[in-house]
PDB file of N, CA and C in Angstrom:
ATOM      1  N   UNK A   1      22.734  18.345 -15.964  1.00  0.00           N
ATOM      2  CA  UNK A   1      22.191  17.788 -13.882  1.00  0.00           C
ATOM      3  C   UNK A   1      20.996  18.024 -13.514  1.00  0.00           C
ATOM      4  N   UNK A   2      21.117  16.905 -13.216  1.00  0.00           N
ATOM      5  CA  UNK A   2      20.145  16.259 -13.003  1.00  0.00           C
ATOM      6  C   UNK A   2      19.305  17.090 -11.288  1.00  0.00           C
ATOM      7  N   UNK A   3      17.958  17.878 -11.446  1.00  0.00           N
ATOM      8  CA  UNK A   3      17.285  18.607 -10.421  1.00  0.00           C
ATOM      9  C   UNK A   3      16.740  17.531  -9.420  1.00  0.00           C
ATOM     10  N   UNK A   4      16.664  17.532  -7.569  1.00  0.00           N
ATOM     11  CA  UNK A   4      15.829  16.815  -7.349  1.00  0.00           C
ATOM     12  C   UNK A   4      14.990  17.325  -6.562  1.00  0.00           C
ATOM     13  N   UNK A   5      13.621  16.917  -6.614  1.00  0.00           N
ATOM     14  CA  UNK A   5      13.389  17.170  -4.660  1.00  0.00           C
ATOM     15  C   UNK A   5      12.381  16.736  -4.544  1.00  0.00           C
ATOM     16  N   UNK A   6      12.318  17.110  -2.846  1.00  0.00           N
ATOM     17  CA  UNK A   6      11.641  16.439  -2.096  1.00  0.00           C
ATOM     18  C   UNK A   6      10.665  15.591  -2.601  1.00  0.00           C
ATOM     19  N   UNK A   7       9.874  14.723  -1.890  1.00  0.00           N
ATOM     20  CA  UNK A   7       8.875  14.238  -2.594  1.00  0.00           C
ATOM     21  C   UNK A   7       7.969  14.313  -1.261  1.00  0.00           C
ATOM     22  N   UNK A   8       8.304  13.911  -0.593  1.00  0.00           N
ATOM     23  CA  UNK A   8       6.973  15.162   0.943  1.00  0.00           C
ATOM     24  C   UNK A   8       6.997  16.004   0.919  1.00  0.00           C
ATOM     25  N   UNK A   9       7.927  17.174   1.220  1.00  0.00           N
ATOM     26  CA  UNK A   9       7.572  18.815   1.141  1.00  0.00           C
ATOM     27  C   UNK A   9       7.489  19.276   0.283  1.00  0.00           C
ATOM     28  N   UNK A  10       8.853  19.215  -1.080  1.00  0.00           N
ATOM     29  CA  UNK A  10       8.688  19.322  -2.570  1.00  0.00           C
ATOM     30  C   UNK A  10       9.815  20.333  -2.151  1.00  0.00           C
ATOM     31  N   UNK A  11      10.579  20.203  -1.092  1.00  0.00           N
ATOM     32  CA  UNK A  11      12.051  21.533  -1.335  1.00  0.00           C
ATOM     33  C   UNK A  11      13.268  21.019  -2.216  1.00  0.00           C
ATOM     34  N   UNK A  12      13.765  21.858  -2.514  1.00  0.00           N
ATOM     35  CA  UNK A  12      14.863  21.041  -3.632  1.00  0.00           C
ATOM     36  C   UNK A  12      16.355  20.751  -2.737  1.00  0.00           C
ATOM     37  N   UNK A  13      16.634  19.909  -3.735  1.00  0.00           N
ATOM     38  CA  UNK A  13      17.758  19.154  -2.837  1.00  0.00           C
ATOM     39  C   UNK A  13      19.257  19.433  -3.907  1.00  0.00           C
ATOM     40  N   UNK A  14      20.262  19.179  -2.781  1.00  0.00           N
ATOM     41  CA  UNK A  14      21.036  18.933  -3.498  1.00  0.00           C
ATOM     42  C   UNK A  14      21.469  17.232  -3.364  1.00  0.00           C
ATOM     43  N   UNK A  15      22.826  17.090  -3.524  1.00  0.00           N
ATOM     44  CA  UNK A  15      22.918  15.727  -3.911  1.00  0.00           C
ATOM     45  C   UNK A  15      22.861  15.079  -2.244  1.00  0.00           C
ATOM     46  N   UNK A  16      22.361  15.334  -1.396  1.00  0.00           N
ATOM     47  CA  UNK A  16      22.319  14.466  -0.017  1.00  0.00           C
ATOM     48  C   UNK A  16      21.001  14.151  -0.333  1.00  0.00           C
ATOM     49  N   UNK A  17      20.682  13.713  -0.392  1.00  0.00           N
ATOM     50  CA  UNK A  17      18.847  13.309  -0.710  1.00  0.00           C
ATOM     51  C   UNK A  17      19.561  11.388  -0.282  1.00  0.00           C
ATOM     52  N   UNK A  18      17.656  11.149   0.337  1.00  0.00           N
ATOM     53  CA  UNK A  18      17.093   9.439   1.218  1.00  0.00           C
ATOM     54  C   UNK A  18      16.512   9.189   0.162  1.00  0.00           C
ATOM     55  N   UNK A  19      16.687   7.572  -0.407  1.00  0.00           N
ATOM     56  CA  UNK A  19      16.251   6.935  -1.563  1.00  0.00           C
ATOM     57  C   UNK A  19      15.024   6.532  -0.521  1.00  0.00           C
ATOM     58  N   UNK A  20      13.693   6.212  -0.485  1.00  0.00           N
ATOM     59  CA  UNK A  20      12.823   5.358   0.458  1.00  0.00           C
ATOM     60  C   UNK A  20      11.918   4.311  -0.527  1.00  0.00           C
ATOM     61  N   UNK A  21      11.672   2.934  -1.023  1.00  0.00           N
ATOM     62  CA  UNK A  21      11.805   2.156  -1.577  1.00  0.00           C
ATOM     63  C   UNK A  21      10.627   1.095  -0.965  1.00  0.00           C
ATOM     64  N   UNK A  22       9.138   1.250  -1.163  1.00  0.00           N
ATOM     65  CA  UNK A  22       8.459   0.736  -1.021  1.00  0.00           C
ATOM     66  C   UNK A  22       7.467  -0.299  -1.399  1.00  0.00           C
ATOM     67  N   UNK A  23       7.485  -2.314  -1.036  1.00  0.00           N
ATOM     68  CA  UNK A  23       6.696  -3.094  -1.844  1.00  0.00           C
ATOM     69  C   UNK A  23       5.459  -3.457  -1.188  1.00  0.00           C
ATOM     70  N   UNK A  24       4.882  -3.326  -1.835  1.00  0.00           N
ATOM     71  CA  UNK A  24       2.988  -4.083  -1.209  1.00  0.00           C
ATOM     72  C   UNK A  24       2.972  -4.886  -2.388  1.00  0.00           C
ATOM     73  N   UNK A  25       2.626  -5.972  -1.663  1.00  0.00           N
ATOM     74  CA  UNK A  25       2.130  -7.267  -2.538  1.00  0.00           C
ATOM     75  C   UNK A  25       0.443  -8.354  -1.737  1.00  0.00           C
ATOM     76  N   UNK A  26       0.724  -9.145  -2.241  1.00  0.00           N
ATOM     77  CA  UNK A  26      -0.385 -10.000  -1.615  1.00  0.00           C
ATOM     78  C   UNK A  26       0.734 -10.273  -0.298  1.00  0.00           C
ATOM     79  N   UNK A  27       0.053 -11.465   0.322  1.00  0.00           N
ATOM     80  CA  UNK A  27       0.909 -11.867   1.501  1.00  0.00           C
ATOM     81  C   UNK A  27      -0.346 -13.582   1.601  1.00  0.00           C
ATOM     82  N   UNK A  28       1.182 -14.542   0.958  1.00  0.00           N
ATOM     83  CA  UNK A  28       0.485 -16.009   1.143  1.00  0.00           C
ATOM     84  C   UNK A  28       1.302 -16.488   1.481  1.00  0.00           C
ATOM     85  N   UNK A  29       0.977 -17.649   3.159  1.00  0.00           N
ATOM     86  CA  UNK A  29       2.446 -17.534   3.580  1.00  0.00           C
ATOM     87  C   UNK A  29       1.210 -19.153   4.851  1.00  0.00           C
ATOM     88  N   UNK A  30       0.107 -19.632   4.110  1.00  0.00           N
ATOM     89  CA  UNK A  30       0.217 -21.305   4.344  1.00  0.00           C
ATOM     90  C   UNK A  30       1.292 -22.058   5.659  1.00  0.00           C
ATOM     91  N   UNK A  31       0.316 -22.321   6.435  1.00  0.00           N
ATOM     92  CA  UNK A  31       1.225 -22.101   7.626  1.00  0.00           C
ATOM     93  C   UNK A  31       1.469 -23.991   6.610  1.00  0.00           C
ATOM     94  N   UNK A  32       0.149 -25.185   6.425  1.00  0.00           N
ATOM     95  CA  UNK A  32       0.372 -26.278   5.887  1.00  0.00           C
ATOM     96  C   UNK A  32      -0.890 -26.498   4.895  1.00  0.00           C
ATOM     97  N   UNK A  33      -0.341 -27.404   3.632  1.00  0.00           N
ATOM     98  CA  UNK A  33      -2.227 -27.290   3.697  1.00  0.00           C
ATOM     99  C   UNK A  33      -2.509 -28.641   4.089  1.00  0.00           C
ATOM    100  N   UNK A  34      -4.051 -28.711   4.046  1.00  0.00           N
ATOM    101  CA  UNK A  34      -5.040 -29.938   5.237  1.00  0.00           C
ATOM    102  C   UNK A  34      -5.463 -30.705   3.476  1.00  0.00           C
ATOM    103  N   UNK A  35      -5.407 -31.148   4.812  1.00  0.00           N
ATOM    104  CA  UNK A  35      -7.232 -31.797   3.132  1.00  0.00           C
ATOM    105  C   UNK A  35      -8.406 -31.500   2.865  1.00  0.00           C
ATOM    106  N   UNK A  36      -8.257 -30.878   3.665  1.00  0.00           N
ATOM    107  CA  UNK A  36      -9.424 -29.726   3.711  1.00  0.00           C
ATOM    108  C   UNK A  36      -8.961 -28.632   2.020  1.00  0.00           C
ATOM    109  N   UNK A  37      -8.006 -28.587   1.755  1.00  0.00           N
ATOM    110  CA  UNK A  37      -7.927 -27.042   1.221  1.00  0.00           C
ATOM    111  C   UNK A  37      -8.210 -28.138  -0.143  1.00  0.00           C
ATOM    112  N   UNK A  38      -6.814 -29.556   0.019  1.00  0.00           N
ATOM    113  CA  UNK A  38      -6.799 -30.244  -1.558  1.00  0.00           C
ATOM    114  C   UNK A  38      -7.830 -30.921  -2.103  1.00  0.00           C
ATOM    115  N   UNK A  39      -9.736 -30.967  -1.244  1.00  0.00           N
ATOM    116  CA  UNK A  39     -10.819 -31.495  -1.296  1.00  0.00           C
ATOM    117  C   UNK A  39     -12.026 -30.552  -1.992  1.00  0.00           C
ATOM    118  N   UNK A  40     -11.404 -29.386  -1.100  1.00  0.00           N
ATOM    119  CA  UNK A  40     -12.448 -27.888  -1.535  1.00  0.00           C
ATOM    120  C   UNK A  40     -12.378 -27.909  -2.851  1.00  0.00           C
ATOM    121  N   UNK A  41     -14.100 -27.433  -3.283  1.00  0.00           N
ATOM    122  CA  UNK A  41     -13.687 -27.053  -4.592  1.00  0.00           C
ATOM    123  C   UNK A  41     -14.098 -25.877  -5.180  1.00  0.00           C
ATOM    124  N   UNK A  42     -13.027 -25.400  -5.419  1.00  0.00           N
ATOM    125  CA  UNK A  42     -12.246 -24.488  -6.184  1.00  0.00           C
ATOM    126  C   UNK A  42     -12.829 -23.242  -7.309  1.00  0.00           C
ATOM    127  N   UNK A  43     -13.833 -24.959  -8.200  1.00  0.00           N
ATOM    128  CA  UNK A  43     -14.613 -23.874  -8.747  1.00  0.00           C
ATOM    129  C   UNK A  43     -15.617 -23.757  -8.945  1.00  0.00           C
ATOM    130  N   UNK A  44     -16.270 -24.633  -7.752  1.00  0.00           N
ATOM    131  CA  UNK A  44     -17.552 -23.218  -6.985  1.00  0.00           C
ATOM    132  C   UNK A  44     -17.482 -22.233  -6.080  1.00  0.00           C
ATOM    133  N   UNK A  45     -16.409 -22.200  -5.458  1.00  0.00           N
ATOM    134  CA  UNK A  45     -16.074 -21.143  -5.102  1.00  0.00           C
ATOM    135  C   UNK A  45     -15.795 -19.933  -6.124  1.00  0.00           C
ATOM    136  N   UNK A  46     -15.079 -20.293  -7.291  1.00  0.00           N
ATOM    137  CA  UNK A  46     -15.320 -19.077  -8.294  1.00  0.00           C
ATOM    138  C   UNK A  46     -16.338 -18.227  -8.423  1.00  0.00           C
ATOM    139  N   UNK A  47     -17.098 -19.939  -8.978  1.00  0.00           N
ATOM    140  CA  UNK A  47     -18.423 -19.999  -9.274  1.00  0.00           C
ATOM    141  C   UNK A  47     -19.323 -18.459  -9.131  1.00  0.00           C
ATOM    142  N   UNK A  48     -19.352 -18.980  -7.361  1.00  0.00           N
ATOM    143  CA  UNK A  48     -19.557 -18.077  -6.381  1.00  0.00           C
ATOM    144  C   UNK A  48     -19.774 -16.094  -6.384  1.00  0.00           C
ATOM    145  N   UNK A  49     -18.098 -15.961  -6.314  1.00  0.00           N
ATOM    146  CA  UNK A  49     -17.392 -14.712  -6.027  1.00  0.00           C
ATOM    147  C   UNK A  49     -17.838 -14.025  -7.720  1.00  0.00           C
ATOM    148  N   UNK A  50     -18.244 -14.832  -8.599  1.00  0.00           N
ATOM    149  CA  UNK A  50     -19.104 -14.039 -10.098  1.00  0.00           C
ATOM    150  C   UNK A  50     -19.655 -14.108  -9.957  1.00  0.00           C
ATOM    151  N   UNK A  51     -21.099 -15.019  -9.356  1.00  0.00           N
ATOM    152  CA  UNK A  51     -22.307 -14.282  -9.468  1.00  0.00           C
ATOM    153  C   UNK A  51     -22.534 -13.363  -7.991  1.00  0.00           C
ATOM    154  N   UNK A  52     -21.941 -12.649  -6.863  1.00  0.00           N
ATOM    155  CA  UNK A  52     -22.257 -12.362  -5.741  1.00  0.00           C
ATOM    156  C   UNK A  52     -21.404 -10.758  -6.939  1.00  0.00           C
ATOM    157  N   UNK A  53     -21.203 -10.797  -7.374  1.00  0.00           N
ATOM    158  CA  UNK A  53     -20.074  -9.888  -8.628  1.00  0.00           C
ATOM    159  C   UNK A  53     -21.359  -9.107  -9.529  1.00  0.00           C
ATOM    160  N   UNK A  54     -21.975 -10.292  -9.942  1.00  0.00           N
ATOM    161  CA  UNK A  54     -23.223  -9.341 -11.297  1.00  0.00           C
ATOM    162  C   UNK A  54     -24.698  -8.789 -10.087  1.00  0.00           C
ATOM    163  N   UNK A  55     -24.880 -10.197  -9.237  1.00  0.00           N
ATOM    164  CA  UNK A  55     -26.039  -9.545  -8.500  1.00  0.00           C
ATOM    165  C   UNK A  55     -25.643  -8.004  -7.849  1.00  0.00           C
ATOM    166  N   UNK A  56     -24.295  -7.446  -7.421  1.00  0.00           N
ATOM    167  CA  UNK A  56     -24.369  -6.264  -6.702  1.00  0.00           C
ATOM    168  C   UNK A  56     -23.312  -5.217  -8.182  1.00  0.00           C
ATOM    169  N   UNK A  57     -23.616  -5.922  -9.126  1.00  0.00           N
ATOM    170  CA  UNK A  57     -23.334  -4.701 -10.306  1.00  0.00           C
ATOM    171  C   UNK A  57     -21.733  -4.455  -9.794  1.00  0.00           C
ATOM    172  N   UNK A  58     -20.545  -5.391  -9.772  1.00  0.00           N
ATOM    173  CA  UNK A  58     -19.344  -5.146  -9.238  1.00  0.00           C
ATOM    174  C   UNK A  58     -19.008  -5.385 -10.082  1.00  0.00           C
ATOM    175  N   UNK A  59     -18.372  -5.512 -11.016  1.00  0.00           N
ATOM    176  CA  UNK A  59     -17.795  -6.576 -12.388  1.00  0.00           C
ATOM    177  C   UNK A  59     -16.304  -7.027 -12.439  1.00  0.00           C
ATOM    178  N   UNK A  60     -15.895  -5.276 -11.565  1.00  0.00           N
ATOM    179  CA  UNK A  60     -14.723  -5.086 -12.244  1.00  0.00           C
ATOM    180  C   UNK A  60     -13.507  -5.756 -10.756  1.00  0.00           C
ATOM    181  N   UNK A  61     -12.591  -6.684 -10.918  1.00  0.00           N
ATOM    182  CA  UNK A  61     -12.042  -7.368 -10.028  1.00  0.00           C
ATOM    183  C   UNK A  61     -10.971  -6.522  -8.411  1.00  0.00           C
ATOM    184  N   UNK A  62     -11.022  -6.616  -7.439  1.00  0.00           N
ATOM    185  CA  UNK A  62     -10.113  -5.432  -6.411  1.00  0.00           C
ATOM    186  C   UNK A  62      -8.539  -5.608  -7.182  1.00  0.00           C
ATOM    187  N   UNK A  63      -7.819  -4.619  -7.514  1.00  0.00           N
ATOM    188  CA  UNK A  63      -5.950  -4.358  -8.061  1.00  0.00           C
ATOM    189  C   UNK A  63      -5.763  -5.204  -7.147  1.00  0.00           C
ATOM    190  N   UNK A  64      -4.509  -6.136  -6.813  1.00  0.00           N
ATOM    191  CA  UNK A  64      -4.455  -6.936  -5.711  1.00  0.00           C
ATOM    192  C   UNK A  64      -2.492  -7.378  -6.534  1.00  0.00           C
ATOM    193  N   UNK A  65      -2.285  -6.171  -8.279  1.00  0.00           N
ATOM    194  CA  UNK A  65      -0.906  -6.721  -8.205  1.00  0.00           C
ATOM    195  C   UNK A  65      -0.153  -6.056  -7.169  1.00  0.00           C
ATOM    196  N   UNK A  66       0.986  -6.584  -7.465  1.00  0.00           N
ATOM    197  CA  UNK A  66       2.736  -6.128  -6.928  1.00  0.00           C
ATOM    198  C   UNK A  66       2.901  -4.782  -7.336  1.00  0.00           C
ATOM    199  N   UNK A  67       2.814  -3.832  -6.197  1.00  0.00           N
ATOM    200  CA  UNK A  67       3.296  -2.162  -6.992  1.00  0.00           C
ATOM    201  C   UNK A  67       4.805  -1.762  -5.721  1.00  0.00           C
ATOM    202  N   UNK A  68       5.870  -1.356  -7.097  1.00  0.00           N
ATOM    203  CA  UNK A  68       6.558  -1.014  -6.321  1.00  0.00           C
ATOM    204  C   UNK A  68       6.964   0.364  -6.069  1.00  0.00           C
ATOM    205  N   UNK A  69       6.717   1.398  -4.773  1.00  0.00           N
ATOM    206  CA  UNK A  69       6.552   3.187  -4.954  1.00  0.00           C
ATOM    207  C   UNK A  69       8.609   3.430  -4.944  1.00  0.00           C
ATOM    208  N   UNK A  70       9.344   4.588  -5.542  1.00  0.00           N
ATOM    209  CA  UNK A  70      10.092   4.903  -4.618  1.00  0.00           C
ATOM    210  C   UNK A  70       9.970   6.623  -4.587  1.00  0.00           C
ATOM    211  N   UNK A  71      10.529   6.712  -3.782  1.00  0.00           N
ATOM    212  CA  UNK A  71      10.197   8.547  -3.142  1.00  0.00           C
ATOM    213  C   UNK A  71      11.875   9.390  -2.600  1.00  0.00           C
ATOM    214  N   UNK A  72      11.923  10.426  -2.841  1.00  0.00           N
ATOM    215  CA  UNK A  72      13.195  10.803  -2.923  1.00  0.00           C
ATOM    216  C   UNK A  72      12.642  12.036  -1.668  1.00  0.00           C
ATOM    217  N   UNK A  73      14.083  11.694  -0.138  1.00  0.00           N
ATOM    218  CA  UNK A  73      13.594  12.337   0.496  1.00  0.00           C
ATOM    219  C   UNK A  73      14.644  13.345   1.051  1.00  0.00           C
ATOM    220  N   UNK A  74      14.468  14.820   1.237  1.00  0.00           N
ATOM    221  CA  UNK A  74      15.011  15.438   2.136  1.00  0.00           C
ATOM    222  C   UNK A  74      15.402  14.737   3.512  1.00  0.00           C
ATOM    223  N   UNK A  75      17.123  15.541   3.578  1.00  0.00           N
ATOM    224  CA  UNK A  75      17.666  14.839   4.900  1.00  0.00           C
ATOM    225  C   UNK A  75      15.896  14.905   6.459  1.00  0.00           C
ATOM    226  N   UNK A  76      15.902  16.119   6.138  1.00  0.00           N
ATOM    227  CA  UNK A  76      14.759  15.900   7.383  1.00  0.00           C
ATOM    228  C   UNK A  76      13.505  15.458   7.508  1.00  0.00           C
ATOM    229  N   UNK A  77      12.462  15.317   5.698  1.00  0.00           N
ATOM    230  CA  UNK A  77      11.711  14.539   5.599  1.00  0.00           C
ATOM    231  C   UNK A  77      12.251  13.047   6.267  1.00  0.00           C
ATOM    232  N   UNK A  78      13.127  12.760   5.674  1.00  0.00           N
ATOM    233  CA  UNK A  78      13.657  10.838   5.642  1.00  0.00           C
ATOM    234  C   UNK A  78      14.207  10.737   7.958  1.00  0.00           C
ATOM    235  N   UNK A  79      14.070  11.881   8.344  1.00  0.00           N
ATOM    236  CA  UNK A  79      13.586  12.359   9.975  1.00  0.00           C
ATOM    237  C   UNK A  79      12.383  11.513  10.205  1.00  0.00           C
ATOM    238  N   UNK A  80      11.344  12.649  10.053  1.00  0.00           N
ATOM    239  CA  UNK A  80       9.973  12.540  10.007  1.00  0.00           C
ATOM    240  C   UNK A  80       9.544  10.902   9.233  1.00  0.00           C
ATOM    241  N   UNK A  81       9.945  10.157   8.441  1.00  0.00           N
ATOM    242  CA  UNK A  81       9.125   9.290   7.760  1.00  0.00           C
ATOM    243  C   UNK A  81      10.062   8.266   8.526  1.00  0.00           C
ATOM    244  N   UNK A  82      11.278   7.935   8.819  1.00  0.00           N
ATOM    245  CA  UNK A  82      11.689   7.530  10.225  1.00  0.00           C
ATOM    246  C   UNK A  82      10.754   7.239  11.690  1.00  0.00           C
ATOM    247  N   UNK A  83      10.422   7.907  12.024  1.00  0.00           N
ATOM    248  CA  UNK A  83      10.134   7.501  13.561  1.00  0.00           C
ATOM    249  C   UNK A  83       7.955   7.829  12.844  1.00  0.00           C
ATOM    250  N   UNK A  84       8.060   7.735  11.509  1.00  0.00           N
ATOM    251  CA  UNK A  84       6.312   7.461  11.774  1.00  0.00           C
ATOM    252  C   UNK A  84       6.024   6.753  10.324  1.00  0.00           C
ATOM    253  N   UNK A  85       6.815   5.876  10.150  1.00  0.00           N
ATOM    254  CA  UNK A  85       6.727   5.688   8.762  1.00  0.00           C
ATOM    255  C   UNK A  85       5.427   4.888   8.166  1.00  0.00           C
ATOM    256  N   UNK A  86       3.974   4.603   8.795  1.00  0.00           N
ATOM    257  CA  UNK A  86       2.739   4.328   8.148  1.00  0.00           C
ATOM    258  C   UNK A  86       1.602   5.720   8.730  1.00  0.00           C
ATOM    259  N   UNK A  87       3.165   6.990   9.047  1.00  0.00           N
ATOM    260  CA  UNK A  87       1.474   7.958   8.944  1.00  0.00           C
ATOM    261  C   UNK A  87       0.347   7.916  10.140  1.00  0.00           C
ATOM    262  N   UNK A  88       0.548   7.299  11.234  1.00  0.00           N
ATOM    263  CA  UNK A  88      -0.357   6.430  12.009  1.00  0.00           C
ATOM    264  C   UNK A  88      -0.646   7.963  13.023  1.00  0.00           C
ATOM    265  N   UNK A  89       0.742   9.410  13.483  1.00  0.00           N
ATOM    266  CA  UNK A  89       0.328  10.043  14.230  1.00  0.00           C
ATOM    267  C   UNK A  89       0.054  11.000  13.275  1.00  0.00           C
ATOM    268  N   UNK A  90       0.324  11.539  12.142  1.00  0.00           N
ATOM    269  CA  UNK A  90      -0.592  12.100  11.018  1.00  0.00           C
ATOM    270  C   UNK A  90      -2.356  12.571  11.539  1.00  0.00           C
ATOM    271  N   UNK A  91      -2.759  11.992  12.089  1.00  0.00           N
ATOM    272  CA  UNK A  91      -4.621  12.521  11.874  1.00  0.00           C
ATOM    273  C   UNK A  91      -4.860  12.523  13.257  1.00  0.00           C
ATOM    274  N   UNK A  92      -3.827  12.435  13.851  1.00  0.00           N
ATOM    275  CA  UNK A  92      -3.807  12.892  15.254  1.00  0.00           C
ATOM    276  C   UNK A  92      -3.465  14.269  15.396  1.00  0.00           C
ATOM    277  N   UNK A  93      -2.859  15.007  14.492  1.00  0.00           N
ATOM    278  CA  UNK A  93      -2.476  16.379  15.154  1.00  0.00           C
ATOM    279  C   UNK A  93      -3.310  17.288  14.221  1.00  0.00           C
ATOM    280  N   UNK A  94      -4.268  16.609  13.307  1.00  0.00           N
ATOM    281  CA  UNK A  94      -5.471  17.323  13.310  1.00  0.00           C
ATOM    282  C   UNK A  94      -6.149  17.793  14.360  1.00  0.00           C
ATOM    283  N   UNK A  95      -6.469  19.474  14.255  1.00  0.00           N
ATOM    284  CA  UNK A  95      -7.523  20.228  15.001  1.00  0.00           C
ATOM    285  C   UNK A  95      -8.519  20.060  14.458  1.00  0.00           C
ATOM    286  N   UNK A  96      -9.785  19.839  14.272  1.00  0.00           N
ATOM    287  CA  UNK A  96     -11.017  20.329  13.928  1.00  0.00           C
ATOM    288  C   UNK A  96     -11.371  21.640  14.789  1.00  0.00           C
ATOM    289  N   UNK A  97     -12.718  22.373  14.390  1.00  0.00           N
ATOM    290  CA  UNK A  97     -13.467  23.702  15.097  1.00  0.00           C
ATOM    291  C   UNK A  97     -13.816  22.674  15.137  1.00  0.00           C
ATOM    292  N   UNK A  98     -14.353  23.063  16.928  1.00  0.00           N
ATOM    293  CA  UNK A  98     -16.082  23.009  16.938  1.00  0.00           C
ATOM    294  C   UNK A  98     -17.062  23.293  16.556  1.00  0.00           C
ATOM    295  N   UNK A  99     -17.679  23.588  15.595  1.00  0.00           N
ATOM    296  CA  UNK A  99     -18.774  23.604  14.796  1.00  0.00           C
ATOM    297  C   UNK A  99     -19.956  23.658  15.425  1.00  0.00           C
TER     298      UNK A  99
END
């Protein structure tokens, strides 16, 4: 028998659970291709980026590949997630002491 735990709070779950699927991928939605886009020297642009990478010492490209995430949530965490899916309010609730 499979046992599930909530990926947010860690509590064990029975058959009453929810699945959240998130896909993150680079956006590319140009309105139209212009003459400047066609005439641009893209090889020069790539060369400039490579030179900047060599000069800065950062020789690895940022990972821009698509990612798919899957989470199991209990009913209570589902409610919390739906109220604030990007967790914008979580940082506001932190209380730091006055040192």
